[in-house]
Amino acid sequence: MATRAPSPTSGSADLPVAFAFKVEFMGLPEQNGPLQLAFQEVSGLGSQLDTEELQEGGENRFRHQLPTQPQARRLSLKRALVNRNSPLLTWCAKVLEGGFAEPIKLASVKVQLINAAGQPLLVWWCRNAYPVRWEVDAFGSNKNEAAIETIELAYQTLGSPS
């Protein structure tokens, strides 16, 4: 017997889908209040602890995995090229091209996975974030798609989904 995917009206209606999300920036310089922006793709929500392998002395059969430190975190945001005067791109330009003339202003990024009604199902907070890379995807005469920019942010802590 073939199985079908659950319909939106069945018991799986509360399961999150990966295409419904919102991204908000808090604390951007020259921006009063939160700034909600649309992105095509968000990645980099996660944590990882590096380990160091240590061979036990005198007993060659055992190798221990000892925790060292958390890996650096990077949030990657992709979207179509938009208004060059947005507060987000102004902040990116100041940090990436400023040459450390001024201290880097940190911001927080809230990523929300939302349901069909637009209500948040899961929320992640990337705190103390700053831009580390801005890039435009390659142009190609044989492509028939929007020009995409990628903004990559380093962040200090990730607030777990709530």
N, C-alpha and C. Protein backbone atom coordinates (compact mmCIF):
# COMPACT_ATOMS: atom_id res chain seq x y z
N MET A 1 0.84 -1.18 0.00
CA MET A 1 0.00 0.00 0.00
C MET A 1 0.89 1.24 0.00
N ALA A 2 0.61 2.17 -0.87
CA ALA A 2 1.41 3.39 -0.97
C ALA A 2 1.01 4.35 0.13
N THR A 3 1.99 5.09 0.65
CA THR A 3 1.69 6.09 1.66
C THR A 3 1.72 7.46 1.01
N ARG A 4 0.87 8.33 1.52
CA ARG A 4 0.81 9.69 0.98
C ARG A 4 1.37 10.66 2.02
N ALA A 5 1.83 11.77 1.52
CA ALA A 5 2.29 12.82 2.43
C ALA A 5 1.08 13.35 3.19
N PRO A 6 1.24 13.71 4.47
CA PRO A 6 0.13 14.23 5.23
C PRO A 6 -0.37 15.53 4.63
N SER A 7 -1.66 15.71 4.66
CA SER A 7 -2.23 16.97 4.14
C SER A 7 -2.10 18.04 5.20
N PRO A 8 -2.17 19.32 4.80
CA PRO A 8 -2.03 20.41 5.77
C PRO A 8 -3.10 20.39 6.85
N THR A 9 -4.22 19.71 6.60
CA THR A 9 -5.28 19.68 7.60
C THR A 9 -5.17 18.49 8.54
N SER A 10 -4.21 17.58 8.28
CA SER A 10 -4.05 16.43 9.17
C SER A 10 -3.25 16.82 10.40
N GLY A 11 -2.90 15.86 11.22
CA GLY A 11 -2.20 16.12 12.47
C GLY A 11 -0.82 16.71 12.31
N SER A 12 -0.27 16.75 11.10
CA SER A 12 1.08 17.28 10.91
C SER A 12 1.07 18.77 10.62
N ALA A 13 -0.06 19.45 10.77
CA ALA A 13 -0.15 20.86 10.44
C ALA A 13 0.81 21.71 11.26
N ASP A 14 1.21 21.25 12.44
CA ASP A 14 2.10 22.02 13.29
C ASP A 14 3.57 21.74 13.01
N LEU A 15 3.87 20.82 12.11
CA LEU A 15 5.27 20.55 11.79
C LEU A 15 5.83 21.72 10.99
N PRO A 16 7.01 22.18 11.36
CA PRO A 16 7.59 23.32 10.64
C PRO A 16 8.02 22.94 9.23
N VAL A 17 7.89 23.90 8.33
CA VAL A 17 8.37 23.74 6.95
C VAL A 17 9.53 24.69 6.75
N ALA A 18 10.49 24.29 5.94
CA ALA A 18 11.73 25.05 5.80
C ALA A 18 11.59 26.29 4.93
N PHE A 19 10.46 26.47 4.25
CA PHE A 19 10.34 27.62 3.35
C PHE A 19 9.62 28.81 3.98
N ALA A 20 9.08 28.66 5.18
CA ALA A 20 8.35 29.74 5.83
C ALA A 20 9.16 30.27 7.01
N PHE A 21 9.84 31.39 6.79
CA PHE A 21 10.68 31.96 7.85
C PHE A 21 10.75 33.47 7.73
N LYS A 22 11.12 34.10 8.84
CA LYS A 22 11.32 35.56 8.89
C LYS A 22 12.68 35.83 9.50
N VAL A 23 13.30 36.92 9.07
CA VAL A 23 14.59 37.33 9.62
C VAL A 23 14.48 38.79 10.06
N GLU A 24 14.84 39.07 11.31
CA GLU A 24 14.81 40.42 11.84
C GLU A 24 16.17 40.78 12.41
N PHE A 25 16.57 42.03 12.21
CA PHE A 25 17.82 42.56 12.76
C PHE A 25 17.48 43.55 13.86
N MET A 26 18.15 43.40 15.00
CA MET A 26 17.98 44.31 16.13
C MET A 26 19.30 45.01 16.40
N GLY A 27 19.24 46.32 16.59
CA GLY A 27 20.42 47.07 16.97
C GLY A 27 21.33 47.46 15.82
N LEU A 28 20.80 47.49 14.60
CA LEU A 28 21.63 47.98 13.48
C LEU A 28 21.88 49.47 13.66
N PRO A 29 23.09 49.93 13.38
CA PRO A 29 23.36 51.36 13.47
C PRO A 29 22.44 52.12 12.50
N GLU A 30 22.03 53.29 12.90
CA GLU A 30 21.19 54.17 12.08
C GLU A 30 19.83 53.55 11.76
N GLN A 31 19.38 52.62 12.58
CA GLN A 31 18.06 51.99 12.39
C GLN A 31 17.35 52.02 13.74
N ASN A 32 16.23 52.69 13.78
CA ASN A 32 15.45 52.74 15.02
C ASN A 32 14.49 51.56 15.04
N GLY A 33 14.70 50.65 15.96
CA GLY A 33 13.83 49.50 16.08
C GLY A 33 14.26 48.35 15.20
N PRO A 34 13.49 47.26 15.25
CA PRO A 34 13.83 46.07 14.47
C PRO A 34 13.65 46.30 12.97
N LEU A 35 14.44 45.60 12.18
CA LEU A 35 14.36 45.67 10.73
C LEU A 35 14.12 44.26 10.20
N GLN A 36 12.93 44.04 9.61
CA GLN A 36 12.60 42.73 9.05
C GLN A 36 12.92 42.75 7.56
N LEU A 37 13.69 41.74 7.11
CA LEU A 37 14.09 41.64 5.72
C LEU A 37 13.77 40.26 5.17
N ALA A 38 13.55 40.20 3.86
CA ALA A 38 13.25 38.93 3.20
C ALA A 38 14.53 38.34 2.63
N PHE A 39 14.69 37.04 2.82
CA PHE A 39 15.83 36.32 2.28
C PHE A 39 15.34 35.05 1.60
N GLN A 40 16.09 34.63 0.60
CA GLN A 40 15.79 33.42 -0.15
C GLN A 40 16.23 32.19 0.64
N GLU A 41 17.32 32.34 1.39
CA GLU A 41 17.89 31.19 2.10
C GLU A 41 18.63 31.66 3.33
N VAL A 42 18.50 30.90 4.42
CA VAL A 42 19.22 31.14 5.66
C VAL A 42 19.88 29.83 6.06
N SER A 43 21.17 29.88 6.37
CA SER A 43 21.87 28.68 6.85
C SER A 43 22.89 29.11 7.90
N GLY A 44 23.35 28.14 8.67
CA GLY A 44 24.37 28.42 9.68
C GLY A 44 23.82 28.46 11.09
N LEU A 45 22.59 27.99 11.29
CA LEU A 45 22.04 27.91 12.64
C LEU A 45 22.48 26.58 13.24
N GLY A 46 23.39 26.63 14.16
CA GLY A 46 23.86 25.38 14.76
C GLY A 46 25.06 25.62 15.65
N SER A 47 25.40 24.61 16.37
CA SER A 47 26.56 24.66 17.27
C SER A 47 27.37 23.39 17.10
N GLN A 48 28.65 23.50 17.30
CA GLN A 48 29.53 22.34 17.21
C GLN A 48 30.68 22.53 18.17
N LEU A 49 31.02 21.47 18.86
CA LEU A 49 32.13 21.48 19.80
C LEU A 49 33.26 20.67 19.20
N ASP A 50 34.42 21.27 19.04
CA ASP A 50 35.58 20.54 18.52
C ASP A 50 36.13 19.62 19.61
N THR A 51 36.79 18.56 19.17
CA THR A 51 37.40 17.63 20.11
C THR A 51 38.85 17.38 19.71
N GLU A 52 39.59 16.92 20.68
CA GLU A 52 40.98 16.57 20.46
C GLU A 52 41.14 15.10 20.86
N GLU A 53 41.79 14.34 19.99
CA GLU A 53 41.97 12.92 20.28
C GLU A 53 43.22 12.74 21.14
N LEU A 54 43.08 11.94 22.19
CA LEU A 54 44.20 11.68 23.09
C LEU A 54 44.33 10.18 23.27
N GLN A 55 45.50 9.66 22.94
CA GLN A 55 45.76 8.22 23.10
C GLN A 55 46.10 7.97 24.56
N GLU A 56 45.48 6.97 25.11
CA GLU A 56 45.74 6.64 26.51
C GLU A 56 47.13 6.02 26.63
N GLY A 57 47.89 6.47 27.58
CA GLY A 57 49.23 5.96 27.79
C GLY A 57 49.22 4.57 28.40
N GLY A 58 50.01 3.66 27.86
CA GLY A 58 50.11 2.31 28.39
C GLY A 58 49.00 1.37 27.93
N GLU A 59 47.93 1.90 27.37
CA GLU A 59 46.82 1.07 26.89
C GLU A 59 46.50 1.53 25.47
N ASN A 60 47.04 0.84 24.49
CA ASN A 60 46.96 1.29 23.11
C ASN A 60 45.59 1.10 22.45
N ARG A 61 44.69 0.44 23.13
CA ARG A 61 43.38 0.19 22.53
C ARG A 61 42.42 1.36 22.67
N PHE A 62 42.73 2.31 23.50
CA PHE A 62 41.79 3.38 23.80
C PHE A 62 42.27 4.74 23.30
N ARG A 63 41.36 5.45 22.68
CA ARG A 63 41.59 6.84 22.29
C ARG A 63 40.43 7.65 22.86
N HIS A 64 40.75 8.69 23.54
CA HIS A 64 39.73 9.54 24.17
C HIS A 64 39.47 10.77 23.30
N GLN A 65 38.23 11.16 23.22
CA GLN A 65 37.84 12.38 22.54
C GLN A 65 37.56 13.43 23.61
N LEU A 66 38.45 14.41 23.73
CA LEU A 66 38.31 15.44 24.75
C LEU A 66 37.80 16.74 24.12
N PRO A 67 36.81 17.38 24.73
CA PRO A 67 36.29 18.63 24.18
C PRO A 67 37.33 19.74 24.26
N THR A 68 37.39 20.56 23.22
CA THR A 68 38.30 21.71 23.24
C THR A 68 37.48 22.99 23.35
N GLN A 69 37.04 23.53 22.24
CA GLN A 69 36.26 24.76 22.28
C GLN A 69 35.23 24.75 21.16
N PRO A 70 34.19 25.55 21.31
CA PRO A 70 33.17 25.60 20.25
C PRO A 70 33.76 26.16 18.96
N GLN A 71 33.24 25.69 17.85
CA GLN A 71 33.66 26.19 16.54
C GLN A 71 33.06 27.56 16.30
N ALA A 72 33.76 28.35 15.51
CA ALA A 72 33.22 29.67 15.14
C ALA A 72 31.92 29.48 14.39
N ARG A 73 31.00 30.39 14.60
CA ARG A 73 29.68 30.29 13.97
C ARG A 73 29.53 31.34 12.89
N ARG A 74 28.87 30.95 11.80
CA ARG A 74 28.61 31.87 10.70
C ARG A 74 27.17 31.69 10.21
N LEU A 75 26.45 32.78 10.13
CA LEU A 75 25.09 32.78 9.60
C LEU A 75 25.17 33.29 8.18
N SER A 76 24.64 32.53 7.23
CA SER A 76 24.68 32.90 5.82
C SER A 76 23.27 33.25 5.36
N LEU A 77 23.12 34.44 4.77
CA LEU A 77 21.83 34.94 4.30
C LEU A 77 21.93 35.22 2.81
N LYS A 78 21.00 34.67 2.03
CA LYS A 78 21.02 34.88 0.57
C LYS A 78 19.71 35.53 0.15
N ARG A 79 19.84 36.49 -0.80
CA ARG A 79 18.66 37.17 -1.34
C ARG A 79 19.00 37.80 -2.67
N ALA A 80 17.98 38.23 -3.38
CA ALA A 80 18.19 38.94 -4.63
C ALA A 80 18.80 40.31 -4.31
N LEU A 81 19.60 40.82 -5.23
CA LEU A 81 20.17 42.14 -5.05
C LEU A 81 19.05 43.16 -4.91
N VAL A 82 19.13 43.97 -3.87
CA VAL A 82 18.06 44.94 -3.59
C VAL A 82 18.65 46.32 -3.39
N ASN A 83 17.86 47.18 -2.81
CA ASN A 83 18.23 48.57 -2.56
C ASN A 83 19.60 48.66 -1.89
N ARG A 84 20.52 49.33 -2.54
CA ARG A 84 21.89 49.48 -2.02
C ARG A 84 21.96 50.40 -0.81
N ASN A 85 20.90 51.13 -0.50
CA ASN A 85 20.91 52.08 0.61
C ASN A 85 20.25 51.51 1.87
N SER A 86 20.03 50.20 1.92
CA SER A 86 19.37 49.62 3.09
C SER A 86 20.29 49.72 4.31
N PRO A 87 19.70 49.83 5.51
CA PRO A 87 20.52 49.88 6.73
C PRO A 87 21.44 48.66 6.88
N LEU A 88 20.99 47.49 6.41
CA LEU A 88 21.83 46.29 6.50
C LEU A 88 23.08 46.45 5.65
N LEU A 89 22.95 46.87 4.42
CA LEU A 89 24.12 47.01 3.54
C LEU A 89 25.01 48.17 3.96
N THR A 90 24.43 49.21 4.53
CA THR A 90 25.23 50.32 5.06
C THR A 90 26.11 49.82 6.20
N TRP A 91 25.52 49.01 7.09
CA TRP A 91 26.27 48.41 8.20
C TRP A 91 27.37 47.49 7.68
N CYS A 92 27.03 46.65 6.70
CA CYS A 92 28.03 45.74 6.11
C CYS A 92 29.20 46.52 5.52
N ALA A 93 28.91 47.57 4.77
CA ALA A 93 29.96 48.37 4.14
C ALA A 93 30.85 49.03 5.19
N LYS A 94 30.25 49.56 6.26
CA LYS A 94 31.05 50.21 7.31
C LYS A 94 32.01 49.22 7.97
N VAL A 95 31.52 48.02 8.23
CA VAL A 95 32.36 47.02 8.90
C VAL A 95 33.41 46.46 7.94
N LEU A 96 32.99 46.07 6.73
CA LEU A 96 33.89 45.38 5.81
C LEU A 96 34.88 46.32 5.13
N GLU A 97 34.51 47.57 4.95
CA GLU A 97 35.38 48.50 4.24
C GLU A 97 35.92 49.61 5.13
N GLY A 98 35.55 49.58 6.41
CA GLY A 98 35.92 50.67 7.32
C GLY A 98 37.34 50.64 7.81
N GLY A 99 38.04 49.53 7.66
CA GLY A 99 39.43 49.46 8.09
C GLY A 99 39.63 49.64 9.58
N PHE A 100 38.65 49.31 10.37
CA PHE A 100 38.71 49.42 11.83
C PHE A 100 38.93 50.84 12.32
N ALA A 101 38.50 51.82 11.49
CA ALA A 101 38.58 53.21 11.92
C ALA A 101 37.65 53.45 13.10
N GLU A 102 36.55 52.71 13.15
CA GLU A 102 35.60 52.78 14.26
C GLU A 102 35.39 51.37 14.81
N PRO A 103 35.01 51.26 16.08
CA PRO A 103 34.71 49.93 16.62
C PRO A 103 33.54 49.31 15.85
N ILE A 104 33.56 48.00 15.71
CA ILE A 104 32.47 47.30 15.03
C ILE A 104 31.24 47.33 15.92
N LYS A 105 30.13 47.75 15.34
CA LYS A 105 28.86 47.76 16.06
C LYS A 105 28.21 46.39 15.86
N LEU A 106 27.90 45.73 16.97
CA LEU A 106 27.30 44.40 16.93
C LEU A 106 25.78 44.51 16.88
N ALA A 107 25.14 43.52 16.29
CA ALA A 107 23.69 43.47 16.22
C ALA A 107 23.23 42.06 16.57
N SER A 108 21.94 41.91 16.77
CA SER A 108 21.36 40.59 16.99
C SER A 108 20.45 40.27 15.81
N VAL A 109 20.41 39.00 15.45
CA VAL A 109 19.57 38.55 14.34
C VAL A 109 18.61 37.51 14.88
N LYS A 110 17.32 37.73 14.62
CA LYS A 110 16.29 36.78 15.04
C LYS A 110 15.76 36.07 13.80
N VAL A 111 15.90 34.73 13.80
CA VAL A 111 15.39 33.91 12.70
C VAL A 111 14.21 33.13 13.25
N GLN A 112 13.06 33.25 12.59
CA GLN A 112 11.85 32.58 13.04
C GLN A 112 11.33 31.64 11.96
N LEU A 113 11.06 30.42 12.35
CA LEU A 113 10.35 29.48 11.49
C LEU A 113 8.88 29.70 11.80
N ILE A 114 8.05 29.96 10.79
CA ILE A 114 6.66 30.35 11.05
C ILE A 114 5.68 29.34 10.47
N ASN A 115 4.47 29.37 11.01
CA ASN A 115 3.41 28.50 10.51
C ASN A 115 2.60 29.24 9.44
N ALA A 116 1.54 28.61 8.95
CA ALA A 116 0.73 29.18 7.88
C ALA A 116 0.07 30.49 8.27
N ALA A 117 -0.17 30.68 9.56
CA ALA A 117 -0.80 31.92 10.04
C ALA A 117 0.23 33.02 10.29
N GLY A 118 1.51 32.73 10.06
CA GLY A 118 2.56 33.72 10.29
C GLY A 118 3.05 33.78 11.72
N GLN A 119 2.61 32.84 12.55
CA GLN A 119 3.03 32.81 13.94
C GLN A 119 4.33 32.01 14.07
N PRO A 120 5.26 32.46 14.93
CA PRO A 120 6.52 31.72 15.08
C PRO A 120 6.33 30.37 15.74
N LEU A 121 6.94 29.35 15.13
CA LEU A 121 6.97 28.00 15.72
C LEU A 121 8.28 27.80 16.47
N LEU A 122 9.38 28.24 15.88
CA LEU A 122 10.71 28.15 16.48
C LEU A 122 11.42 29.47 16.25
N VAL A 123 12.20 29.90 17.25
CA VAL A 123 12.92 31.18 17.15
C VAL A 123 14.37 30.95 17.58
N TRP A 124 15.30 31.44 16.78
CA TRP A 124 16.72 31.41 17.12
C TRP A 124 17.22 32.85 17.20
N TRP A 125 18.06 33.13 18.18
CA TRP A 125 18.70 34.44 18.32
C TRP A 125 20.20 34.29 18.09
N CYS A 126 20.71 34.96 17.09
CA CYS A 126 22.16 35.03 16.86
C CYS A 126 22.61 36.36 17.45
N ARG A 127 23.27 36.28 18.60
CA ARG A 127 23.63 37.51 19.34
C ARG A 127 25.07 37.91 19.05
N ASN A 128 25.29 39.23 19.14
CA ASN A 128 26.60 39.84 18.91
C ASN A 128 27.13 39.46 17.53
N ALA A 129 26.32 39.70 16.53
CA ALA A 129 26.68 39.37 15.14
C ALA A 129 27.31 40.58 14.45
N TYR A 130 28.15 40.28 13.47
CA TYR A 130 28.73 41.33 12.62
C TYR A 130 29.09 40.71 11.27
N PRO A 131 29.06 41.52 10.22
CA PRO A 131 29.33 40.98 8.88
C PRO A 131 30.80 40.64 8.69
N VAL A 132 31.04 39.48 8.05
CA VAL A 132 32.41 39.05 7.73
C VAL A 132 32.59 38.83 6.23
N ARG A 133 31.48 38.79 5.49
CA ARG A 133 31.60 38.59 4.04
C ARG A 133 30.34 39.08 3.36
N TRP A 134 30.52 39.75 2.24
CA TRP A 134 29.43 40.14 1.35
C TRP A 134 29.88 39.77 -0.05
N GLU A 135 29.04 39.07 -0.79
CA GLU A 135 29.45 38.58 -2.10
C GLU A 135 28.24 38.50 -3.03
N VAL A 136 28.48 38.78 -4.30
CA VAL A 136 27.45 38.62 -5.33
C VAL A 136 27.80 37.36 -6.11
N ASP A 137 26.78 36.51 -6.34
CA ASP A 137 27.00 35.29 -7.13
C ASP A 137 27.46 35.64 -8.53
N ALA A 138 28.07 34.68 -9.17
CA ALA A 138 28.60 34.88 -10.52
C ALA A 138 27.49 35.23 -11.50
N PHE A 139 27.81 36.13 -12.42
CA PHE A 139 26.90 36.46 -13.51
C PHE A 139 27.20 35.50 -14.66
N GLY A 140 26.18 35.18 -15.44
CA GLY A 140 26.38 34.29 -16.58
C GLY A 140 25.37 34.62 -17.67
N SER A 141 25.86 34.72 -18.90
CA SER A 141 24.97 35.08 -20.00
C SER A 141 23.96 33.98 -20.31
N ASN A 142 24.20 32.76 -19.83
CA ASN A 142 23.26 31.68 -20.09
C ASN A 142 22.33 31.43 -18.90
N LYS A 143 22.38 32.27 -17.88
CA LYS A 143 21.49 32.12 -16.73
C LYS A 143 20.20 32.90 -16.97
N ASN A 144 19.15 32.42 -16.37
CA ASN A 144 17.87 33.11 -16.43
C ASN A 144 17.31 33.18 -15.01
N GLU A 145 18.04 33.86 -14.13
CA GLU A 145 17.64 33.94 -12.73
C GLU A 145 18.09 35.27 -12.16
N ALA A 146 17.55 35.61 -11.01
CA ALA A 146 17.89 36.86 -10.34
C ALA A 146 19.34 36.84 -9.86
N ALA A 147 19.96 38.00 -9.84
CA ALA A 147 21.30 38.14 -9.27
C ALA A 147 21.17 38.02 -7.75
N ILE A 148 22.00 37.17 -7.15
CA ILE A 148 21.89 36.86 -5.71
C ILE A 148 23.11 37.39 -4.97
N GLU A 149 22.86 37.99 -3.81
CA GLU A 149 23.95 38.38 -2.93
C GLU A 149 23.91 37.52 -1.68
N THR A 150 25.08 37.27 -1.13
CA THR A 150 25.22 36.51 0.11
C THR A 150 25.86 37.39 1.15
N ILE A 151 25.25 37.44 2.31
CA ILE A 151 25.79 38.17 3.45
C ILE A 151 26.08 37.14 4.53
N GLU A 152 27.33 37.12 4.98
CA GLU A 152 27.72 36.16 6.01
C GLU A 152 28.06 36.93 7.28
N LEU A 153 27.48 36.47 8.39
CA LEU A 153 27.68 37.11 9.68
C LEU A 153 28.32 36.14 10.66
N ALA A 154 29.32 36.58 11.38
CA ALA A 154 29.84 35.82 12.52
C ALA A 154 28.98 36.22 13.71
N TYR A 155 28.73 35.26 14.60
CA TYR A 155 27.97 35.59 15.80
C TYR A 155 28.55 34.85 17.00
N GLN A 156 28.34 35.46 18.16
CA GLN A 156 28.97 34.93 19.37
C GLN A 156 28.16 33.80 19.99
N THR A 157 26.87 34.01 20.17
CA THR A 157 26.04 32.99 20.81
C THR A 157 24.78 32.75 19.99
N LEU A 158 24.28 31.53 20.09
CA LEU A 158 23.04 31.15 19.43
C LEU A 158 22.04 30.77 20.49
N GLY A 159 20.97 31.56 20.58
CA GLY A 159 19.88 31.22 21.50
C GLY A 159 19.08 30.09 20.90
N SER A 160 18.95 29.00 21.62
CA SER A 160 18.27 27.80 21.11
C SER A 160 16.85 28.11 20.70
N PRO A 161 16.31 27.23 19.86
CA PRO A 161 14.93 27.42 19.46
C PRO A 161 14.01 27.39 20.66
N SER A 162 13.10 28.32 20.66
CA SER A 162 12.12 28.39 21.78
C SER A 162 10.73 28.24 21.26
